[in-house]
Each structure stands twice: as C-alpha cells, then as structure tokens.
C-alpha cells in the first residue's frame, strides 16, 4: 500500500512556503516585544546594514511593490524607526534611513534572524547552505 505524498515531498515551492511561514511565526514570537508586523520586521532587517536605500531598492530587497511598501514605511516613520528624504541629484528618488531607534530595532532583528539561522541550518554542511542560497536566488529571479 502506497503512502500518501505530503505536498512538501513533491514540491520544493510548497516546502519553501511552509518554511517561510514557520520562520515568520518564530521570529514574530521572538520579536514580540518590538510590536512590529512581519512586513515591518522585513523592512528593518533589510536596512540593518545601515545603508540607506531608495524605496524602489528596498521594495526589491523586501519582495514588495513600492506602493505596498509605502504603508509599511509610513508606520515605521510614525514609530520613529526611519526617516525618508530626497536623494541628492535625483528629486524623484526617496531615500529611507534608519534612526537611532530604528538601528536598535534592526540590530535586534538581525540578531534574532542570525540565531534562527544557526539553530535551523547550523548542522547542515556548508555546501547544502550554499545550495539553498543558490536555489532561493534562482526562485527570486523568476519573472512572470
């Protein structure tokens, strides 16, 4: 008698979807004291290196449309975690930068992500982690 196939056993995409949800739930629990949504955590995590980015650049990094990201940035700005300003030489571009409280929140987020990655992936060989990164990059680059 054949056993039923679990979706993640035949589809890497479904397994990825399940893993993404699991990691979001773990991070939300670990970062609950920050009072941020998953989208806000994602934006701050992508700004954690301290480099300012245009809204368009940040939208690509977070996997959002710029129009969707705007409401996330509005909330982060109201909380005092980011500022938005013009880019010298390009009046149309809006640069997003972390404030001191945003840097602190982003550092906490980065630490939680690093810890989760160590717990989840630390026992895997380096080649497996590199393969995971390559696969994720390939999926990111798929266009409709």
N, C-alpha and C. Protein backbone atom coordinates (compact mmCIF):
# COMPACT_ATOMS: atom_id res chain seq x y z
N UNK A 1 0.84 -1.18 0.00
CA UNK A 1 0.00 0.00 0.00
C UNK A 1 0.89 1.24 0.00
N UNK A 2 0.62 2.16 -0.94
CA UNK A 2 1.39 3.39 -1.04
C UNK A 2 0.95 4.38 0.02
N UNK A 3 1.94 5.08 0.56
CA UNK A 3 1.59 6.15 1.50
C UNK A 3 1.28 7.41 0.70
N UNK A 4 0.46 8.24 1.28
CA UNK A 4 0.08 9.48 0.63
C UNK A 4 1.29 10.43 0.59
N UNK A 5 1.45 11.12 -0.53
CA UNK A 5 2.57 12.05 -0.67
C UNK A 5 2.20 13.36 0.02
N UNK A 6 3.08 13.79 0.90
CA UNK A 6 2.92 15.08 1.56
C UNK A 6 3.38 16.15 0.56
N UNK A 7 2.64 17.26 0.41
CA UNK A 7 2.99 18.25 -0.60
C UNK A 7 4.47 18.67 -0.60
N UNK A 8 5.09 18.83 0.55
CA UNK A 8 6.48 19.28 0.56
C UNK A 8 7.43 18.22 0.03
N UNK A 9 6.98 16.97 -0.05
CA UNK A 9 7.84 15.91 -0.58
C UNK A 9 7.89 15.93 -2.11
N UNK A 10 6.92 16.51 -2.74
CA UNK A 10 6.94 16.57 -4.20
C UNK A 10 7.12 17.99 -4.72
N UNK A 11 7.09 18.97 -3.84
CA UNK A 11 7.20 20.35 -4.31
C UNK A 11 8.11 21.17 -3.40
N UNK A 12 9.22 21.59 -3.94
CA UNK A 12 10.13 22.46 -3.19
C UNK A 12 9.46 23.79 -2.88
N UNK A 13 8.61 24.26 -3.79
CA UNK A 13 7.93 25.55 -3.55
C UNK A 13 6.98 25.48 -2.38
N UNK A 14 6.25 24.38 -2.25
CA UNK A 14 5.35 24.25 -1.10
C UNK A 14 6.15 24.10 0.20
N UNK A 15 7.25 23.40 0.14
CA UNK A 15 8.12 23.28 1.32
C UNK A 15 8.68 24.65 1.70
N UNK A 16 9.06 25.43 0.70
CA UNK A 16 9.57 26.77 0.94
C UNK A 16 8.49 27.65 1.58
N UNK A 17 7.28 27.54 1.07
CA UNK A 17 6.16 28.31 1.62
C UNK A 17 5.93 27.95 3.09
N UNK A 18 5.94 26.66 3.38
CA UNK A 18 5.74 26.21 4.76
C UNK A 18 6.89 26.69 5.64
N UNK A 19 8.12 26.61 5.15
CA UNK A 19 9.28 27.06 5.92
C UNK A 19 9.23 28.57 6.16
N UNK A 20 8.79 29.31 5.17
CA UNK A 20 8.68 30.76 5.32
C UNK A 20 7.67 31.10 6.42
N UNK A 21 6.53 30.43 6.40
CA UNK A 21 5.53 30.68 7.45
C UNK A 21 6.05 30.30 8.83
N UNK A 22 6.74 29.18 8.91
CA UNK A 22 7.28 28.74 10.20
C UNK A 22 8.30 29.75 10.73
N UNK A 23 9.17 30.24 9.87
CA UNK A 23 10.18 31.20 10.33
C UNK A 23 9.56 32.53 10.71
N UNK A 24 8.55 32.95 9.98
CA UNK A 24 7.86 34.21 10.33
C UNK A 24 7.22 34.08 11.71
N UNK A 25 6.62 32.92 12.00
CA UNK A 25 5.99 32.72 13.31
C UNK A 25 7.03 32.70 14.43
N UNK A 26 8.16 32.04 14.20
CA UNK A 26 9.22 32.01 15.21
C UNK A 26 9.76 33.41 15.44
N UNK A 27 10.04 34.13 14.37
CA UNK A 27 10.57 35.50 14.52
C UNK A 27 9.55 36.41 15.19
N UNK A 28 8.29 36.27 14.83
CA UNK A 28 7.26 37.11 15.46
C UNK A 28 7.23 36.87 16.96
N UNK A 29 7.34 35.61 17.38
CA UNK A 29 7.34 35.29 18.82
C UNK A 29 8.59 35.85 19.49
N UNK A 30 9.75 35.67 18.85
CA UNK A 30 11.00 36.14 19.45
C UNK A 30 11.09 37.66 19.49
N UNK A 31 10.40 38.33 18.57
CA UNK A 31 10.50 39.79 18.47
C UNK A 31 9.21 40.49 18.89
N UNK A 32 8.34 39.77 19.61
CA UNK A 32 7.04 40.32 20.00
C UNK A 32 7.18 41.63 20.78
N UNK A 33 8.24 41.76 21.58
CA UNK A 33 8.42 42.98 22.38
C UNK A 33 8.60 44.22 21.52
N UNK A 34 9.01 44.05 20.26
CA UNK A 34 9.17 45.21 19.38
C UNK A 34 7.84 45.74 18.88
N UNK A 35 6.80 44.90 18.90
CA UNK A 35 5.48 45.33 18.45
C UNK A 35 5.41 45.64 16.97
N UNK A 36 6.16 44.91 16.16
CA UNK A 36 6.21 45.15 14.73
C UNK A 36 5.51 44.03 13.96
N UNK A 37 4.99 44.38 12.79
CA UNK A 37 4.42 43.37 11.90
C UNK A 37 5.56 42.65 11.17
N UNK A 38 5.22 41.54 10.53
CA UNK A 38 6.22 40.80 9.75
C UNK A 38 6.79 41.68 8.63
N UNK A 39 5.96 42.49 8.02
CA UNK A 39 6.43 43.38 6.94
C UNK A 39 7.37 44.45 7.48
N UNK A 40 7.09 44.95 8.66
CA UNK A 40 7.97 45.95 9.28
C UNK A 40 9.30 45.32 9.67
N UNK A 41 9.25 44.10 10.19
CA UNK A 41 10.47 43.37 10.53
C UNK A 41 11.31 43.15 9.28
N UNK A 42 10.67 42.75 8.20
CA UNK A 42 11.37 42.53 6.93
C UNK A 42 12.06 43.81 6.45
N UNK A 43 11.37 44.92 6.50
CA UNK A 43 11.96 46.19 6.04
C UNK A 43 13.15 46.57 6.91
N UNK A 44 12.99 46.49 8.23
CA UNK A 44 14.10 46.85 9.12
C UNK A 44 15.27 45.89 8.98
N UNK A 45 14.99 44.61 8.78
CA UNK A 45 16.07 43.64 8.59
C UNK A 45 16.88 43.96 7.35
N UNK A 46 16.22 44.42 6.31
CA UNK A 46 16.91 44.77 5.07
C UNK A 46 17.66 46.09 5.17
N UNK A 47 17.35 46.89 6.17
CA UNK A 47 18.07 48.14 6.41
C UNK A 47 19.12 47.99 7.50
N UNK A 48 19.23 46.80 8.08
CA UNK A 48 20.08 46.58 9.26
C UNK A 48 21.56 46.85 9.01
N UNK A 49 21.98 46.83 7.75
CA UNK A 49 23.39 47.11 7.46
C UNK A 49 23.71 48.61 7.57
N UNK A 50 22.68 49.43 7.80
CA UNK A 50 22.88 50.86 7.99
C UNK A 50 22.93 51.67 6.70
N UNK A 51 22.89 51.00 5.57
CA UNK A 51 22.95 51.69 4.28
C UNK A 51 21.57 52.20 3.91
N UNK A 52 21.47 53.47 3.54
CA UNK A 52 20.19 53.99 3.09
C UNK A 52 19.87 53.42 1.72
N UNK A 53 18.58 53.31 1.44
CA UNK A 53 18.13 52.77 0.16
C UNK A 53 16.95 53.60 -0.35
N UNK A 54 16.80 53.60 -1.65
CA UNK A 54 15.60 54.21 -2.22
C UNK A 54 14.43 53.28 -1.93
N UNK A 55 13.24 53.82 -2.03
CA UNK A 55 12.04 52.99 -1.82
C UNK A 55 12.03 51.86 -2.84
N UNK A 56 12.42 52.13 -4.07
CA UNK A 56 12.45 51.10 -5.10
C UNK A 56 13.44 49.99 -4.75
N UNK A 57 14.63 50.35 -4.29
CA UNK A 57 15.64 49.36 -3.90
C UNK A 57 15.15 48.51 -2.73
N UNK A 58 14.54 49.18 -1.75
CA UNK A 58 14.04 48.46 -0.58
C UNK A 58 12.88 47.55 -0.96
N UNK A 59 12.06 47.99 -1.90
CA UNK A 59 10.94 47.16 -2.36
C UNK A 59 11.47 45.87 -2.98
N UNK A 60 12.50 45.96 -3.79
CA UNK A 60 13.10 44.76 -4.39
C UNK A 60 13.67 43.86 -3.29
N UNK A 61 14.38 44.46 -2.34
CA UNK A 61 15.02 43.68 -1.26
C UNK A 61 13.99 42.97 -0.40
N UNK A 62 12.84 43.60 -0.17
CA UNK A 62 11.82 43.01 0.70
C UNK A 62 10.82 42.14 -0.06
N UNK A 63 10.88 42.19 -1.39
CA UNK A 63 9.94 41.40 -2.19
C UNK A 63 8.56 42.02 -2.26
N UNK A 64 8.49 43.35 -2.17
CA UNK A 64 7.22 44.06 -2.22
C UNK A 64 7.19 45.03 -3.39
N UNK A 65 5.99 45.46 -3.73
CA UNK A 65 5.85 46.57 -4.68
C UNK A 65 6.10 47.87 -3.90
N UNK A 66 6.65 48.88 -4.57
CA UNK A 66 6.86 50.16 -3.87
C UNK A 66 5.58 50.71 -3.25
N UNK A 67 4.45 50.55 -3.92
CA UNK A 67 3.19 51.08 -3.37
C UNK A 67 2.78 50.33 -2.10
N UNK A 68 3.05 49.03 -2.05
CA UNK A 68 2.76 48.24 -0.85
C UNK A 68 3.70 48.63 0.28
N UNK A 69 4.96 48.83 -0.06
CA UNK A 69 5.97 49.17 0.93
C UNK A 69 5.71 50.53 1.57
N UNK A 70 5.08 51.44 0.84
CA UNK A 70 4.83 52.78 1.36
C UNK A 70 4.06 52.76 2.67
N UNK A 71 3.05 51.92 2.80
CA UNK A 71 2.28 51.88 4.05
C UNK A 71 3.13 51.32 5.19
N UNK A 72 4.00 50.37 4.89
CA UNK A 72 4.92 49.83 5.90
C UNK A 72 5.86 50.95 6.36
N UNK A 73 6.40 51.69 5.41
CA UNK A 73 7.32 52.79 5.74
C UNK A 73 6.60 53.90 6.50
N UNK A 74 5.34 54.15 6.17
CA UNK A 74 4.56 55.15 6.92
C UNK A 74 4.50 54.76 8.40
N UNK A 75 4.21 53.49 8.66
CA UNK A 75 4.12 53.04 10.06
C UNK A 75 5.48 53.11 10.76
N UNK A 76 6.53 52.69 10.07
CA UNK A 76 7.87 52.75 10.67
C UNK A 76 8.30 54.19 10.93
N UNK A 77 7.92 55.09 10.06
CA UNK A 77 8.25 56.50 10.25
C UNK A 77 7.48 57.07 11.44
N UNK A 78 6.20 56.73 11.57
CA UNK A 78 5.40 57.20 12.72
C UNK A 78 5.98 56.68 14.04
N UNK A 79 6.55 55.49 14.03
CA UNK A 79 7.16 54.90 15.22
C UNK A 79 8.55 55.48 15.50
N UNK A 80 9.06 56.26 14.56
CA UNK A 80 10.36 56.88 14.74
C UNK A 80 11.53 55.99 14.37
N UNK A 81 11.29 54.91 13.61
CA UNK A 81 12.36 53.98 13.24
C UNK A 81 13.08 54.34 11.95
N UNK A 82 12.43 55.12 11.08
CA UNK A 82 13.06 55.51 9.82
C UNK A 82 12.77 56.98 9.54
N UNK A 83 13.56 57.53 8.63
CA UNK A 83 13.25 58.81 8.03
C UNK A 83 13.30 58.61 6.52
N UNK A 84 12.58 59.47 5.82
CA UNK A 84 12.62 59.46 4.36
C UNK A 84 13.00 60.85 3.90
N UNK A 85 13.91 60.88 2.95
CA UNK A 85 14.35 62.16 2.41
C UNK A 85 14.76 62.00 0.96
N UNK A 86 15.09 63.13 0.34
CA UNK A 86 15.47 63.11 -1.06
C UNK A 86 16.89 62.60 -1.27
N UNK A 87 17.13 62.13 -2.48
CA UNK A 87 18.47 61.70 -2.88
C UNK A 87 19.11 62.85 -3.64
N UNK A 88 20.29 63.28 -3.22
CA UNK A 88 20.96 64.37 -3.93
C UNK A 88 21.12 64.03 -5.43
N UNK A 89 20.72 64.96 -6.28
CA UNK A 89 20.84 64.77 -7.71
C UNK A 89 19.67 64.05 -8.35
N UNK A 90 18.72 63.56 -7.57
CA UNK A 90 17.55 62.86 -8.12
C UNK A 90 16.34 63.21 -7.26
N UNK A 91 15.60 64.22 -7.68
CA UNK A 91 14.47 64.71 -6.88
C UNK A 91 13.34 63.70 -6.77
N UNK A 92 13.28 62.74 -7.69
CA UNK A 92 12.19 61.76 -7.66
C UNK A 92 12.44 60.63 -6.66
N UNK A 93 13.71 60.35 -6.39
CA UNK A 93 14.04 59.22 -5.50
C UNK A 93 13.89 59.62 -4.04
N UNK A 94 13.30 58.73 -3.26
CA UNK A 94 13.15 58.93 -1.82
C UNK A 94 14.05 57.91 -1.13
N UNK A 95 14.96 58.42 -0.28
CA UNK A 95 15.86 57.56 0.47
C UNK A 95 15.29 57.24 1.83
N UNK A 96 15.42 55.98 2.22
CA UNK A 96 14.96 55.52 3.52
C UNK A 96 16.20 55.27 4.37
N UNK A 97 16.20 55.84 5.59
CA UNK A 97 17.32 55.67 6.50
C UNK A 97 16.80 55.32 7.88
N UNK A 98 17.61 54.56 8.62
CA UNK A 98 17.26 54.22 9.99
C UNK A 98 17.58 55.38 10.93
N UNK A 99 16.75 55.56 11.91
CA UNK A 99 17.01 56.49 13.01
C UNK A 99 17.73 55.70 14.10
N UNK A 100 18.17 56.35 15.17
CA UNK A 100 18.79 55.58 16.26
C UNK A 100 17.88 54.46 16.80
N UNK A 101 16.59 54.73 16.98
CA UNK A 101 15.71 53.66 17.46
C UNK A 101 15.53 52.58 16.40
N UNK A 102 15.55 52.97 15.14
CA UNK A 102 15.46 52.00 14.05
C UNK A 102 16.70 51.13 13.98
N UNK A 103 17.87 51.73 14.22
CA UNK A 103 19.11 50.94 14.24
C UNK A 103 19.08 49.92 15.37
N UNK A 104 18.56 50.33 16.52
CA UNK A 104 18.47 49.42 17.65
C UNK A 104 17.51 48.27 17.34
N UNK A 105 16.33 48.58 16.79
CA UNK A 105 15.36 47.54 16.43
C UNK A 105 15.94 46.63 15.35
N UNK A 106 16.60 47.22 14.35
CA UNK A 106 17.18 46.43 13.26
C UNK A 106 18.28 45.50 13.78
N UNK A 107 19.06 45.96 14.73
CA UNK A 107 20.11 45.11 15.32
C UNK A 107 19.49 43.94 16.07
N UNK A 108 18.40 44.19 16.78
CA UNK A 108 17.69 43.12 17.50
C UNK A 108 17.13 42.11 16.51
N UNK A 109 16.56 42.61 15.42
CA UNK A 109 16.00 41.74 14.37
C UNK A 109 17.11 40.91 13.74
N UNK A 110 18.21 41.55 13.39
CA UNK A 110 19.32 40.83 12.76
C UNK A 110 19.84 39.73 13.69
N UNK A 111 19.92 40.02 14.97
CA UNK A 111 20.39 39.03 15.95
C UNK A 111 19.42 37.85 16.02
N UNK A 112 18.13 38.12 15.99
CA UNK A 112 17.13 37.04 16.03
C UNK A 112 17.20 36.19 14.76
N UNK A 113 17.37 36.82 13.62
CA UNK A 113 17.46 36.09 12.36
C UNK A 113 18.73 35.23 12.35
N UNK A 114 19.83 35.80 12.78
CA UNK A 114 21.09 35.05 12.82
C UNK A 114 20.96 33.84 13.74
N UNK A 115 20.35 34.04 14.90
CA UNK A 115 20.16 32.93 15.84
C UNK A 115 19.28 31.84 15.26
N UNK A 116 18.19 32.23 14.60
CA UNK A 116 17.29 31.25 14.00
C UNK A 116 18.00 30.48 12.89
N UNK A 117 18.77 31.19 12.06
CA UNK A 117 19.51 30.51 11.00
C UNK A 117 20.52 29.52 11.59
N UNK A 118 21.20 29.91 12.65
CA UNK A 118 22.15 29.00 13.28
C UNK A 118 21.46 27.74 13.80
N UNK A 119 20.32 27.94 14.46
CA UNK A 119 19.58 26.79 15.00
C UNK A 119 19.06 25.88 13.89
N UNK A 120 18.55 26.49 12.84
CA UNK A 120 17.92 25.71 11.77
C UNK A 120 18.92 25.13 10.78
N UNK A 121 19.97 25.87 10.47
CA UNK A 121 20.87 25.46 9.40
C UNK A 121 22.27 25.11 9.88
N UNK A 122 22.55 25.33 11.15
CA UNK A 122 23.90 25.15 11.67
C UNK A 122 24.47 23.76 11.51
N UNK A 123 23.64 22.74 11.51
CA UNK A 123 24.12 21.37 11.39
C UNK A 123 24.31 20.93 9.94
N UNK A 124 23.85 21.75 9.01
CA UNK A 124 23.99 21.39 7.60
C UNK A 124 25.40 21.68 7.11
N UNK A 125 25.88 20.88 6.16
CA UNK A 125 27.19 21.18 5.56
C UNK A 125 27.13 22.52 4.81
N UNK A 126 28.27 23.18 4.72
CA UNK A 126 28.34 24.48 4.05
C UNK A 126 27.83 24.39 2.61
N UNK A 127 28.09 23.26 1.95
CA UNK A 127 27.63 23.09 0.56
C UNK A 127 26.11 23.08 0.48
N UNK A 128 25.46 22.50 1.47
CA UNK A 128 24.00 22.46 1.48
C UNK A 128 23.42 23.86 1.68
N UNK A 129 24.03 24.63 2.56
CA UNK A 129 23.57 26.00 2.78
C UNK A 129 23.81 26.84 1.53
N UNK A 130 24.96 26.65 0.89
CA UNK A 130 25.24 27.37 -0.37
C UNK A 130 24.23 26.98 -1.44
N UNK A 131 23.87 25.70 -1.50
CA UNK A 131 22.86 25.24 -2.45
C UNK A 131 21.50 25.85 -2.17
N UNK A 132 21.17 25.95 -0.90
CA UNK A 132 19.91 26.60 -0.51
C UNK A 132 19.88 28.04 -0.98
N UNK A 133 20.97 28.76 -0.73
CA UNK A 133 21.05 30.16 -1.17
C UNK A 133 20.93 30.27 -2.70
N UNK A 134 21.60 29.37 -3.41
CA UNK A 134 21.54 29.40 -4.88
C UNK A 134 20.10 29.12 -5.36
N UNK A 135 19.45 28.16 -4.75
CA UNK A 135 18.07 27.86 -5.12
C UNK A 135 17.13 29.02 -4.83
N UNK A 136 17.30 29.65 -3.68
CA UNK A 136 16.46 30.81 -3.33
C UNK A 136 16.69 31.96 -4.29
N UNK A 137 17.96 32.19 -4.66
CA UNK A 137 18.27 33.26 -5.62
C UNK A 137 17.61 32.97 -6.97
N UNK A 138 17.68 31.72 -7.41
CA UNK A 138 17.06 31.35 -8.69
C UNK A 138 15.54 31.59 -8.64
N UNK A 139 14.92 31.23 -7.54
CA UNK A 139 13.47 31.47 -7.40
C UNK A 139 13.15 32.95 -7.37
N UNK A 140 14.01 33.74 -6.75
CA UNK A 140 13.80 35.18 -6.67
C UNK A 140 13.85 35.83 -8.04
N UNK A 141 14.64 35.27 -8.93
CA UNK A 141 14.86 35.87 -10.23
C UNK A 141 13.82 35.45 -11.29
N UNK A 142 12.91 34.55 -10.92
CA UNK A 142 11.86 34.14 -11.85
C UNK A 142 10.94 35.33 -12.11
N UNK A 143 10.64 35.56 -13.36
CA UNK A 143 9.73 36.66 -13.70
C UNK A 143 8.46 36.11 -14.34
N UNK A 144 7.36 36.81 -14.14
CA UNK A 144 6.09 36.33 -14.73
C UNK A 144 6.09 36.46 -16.24
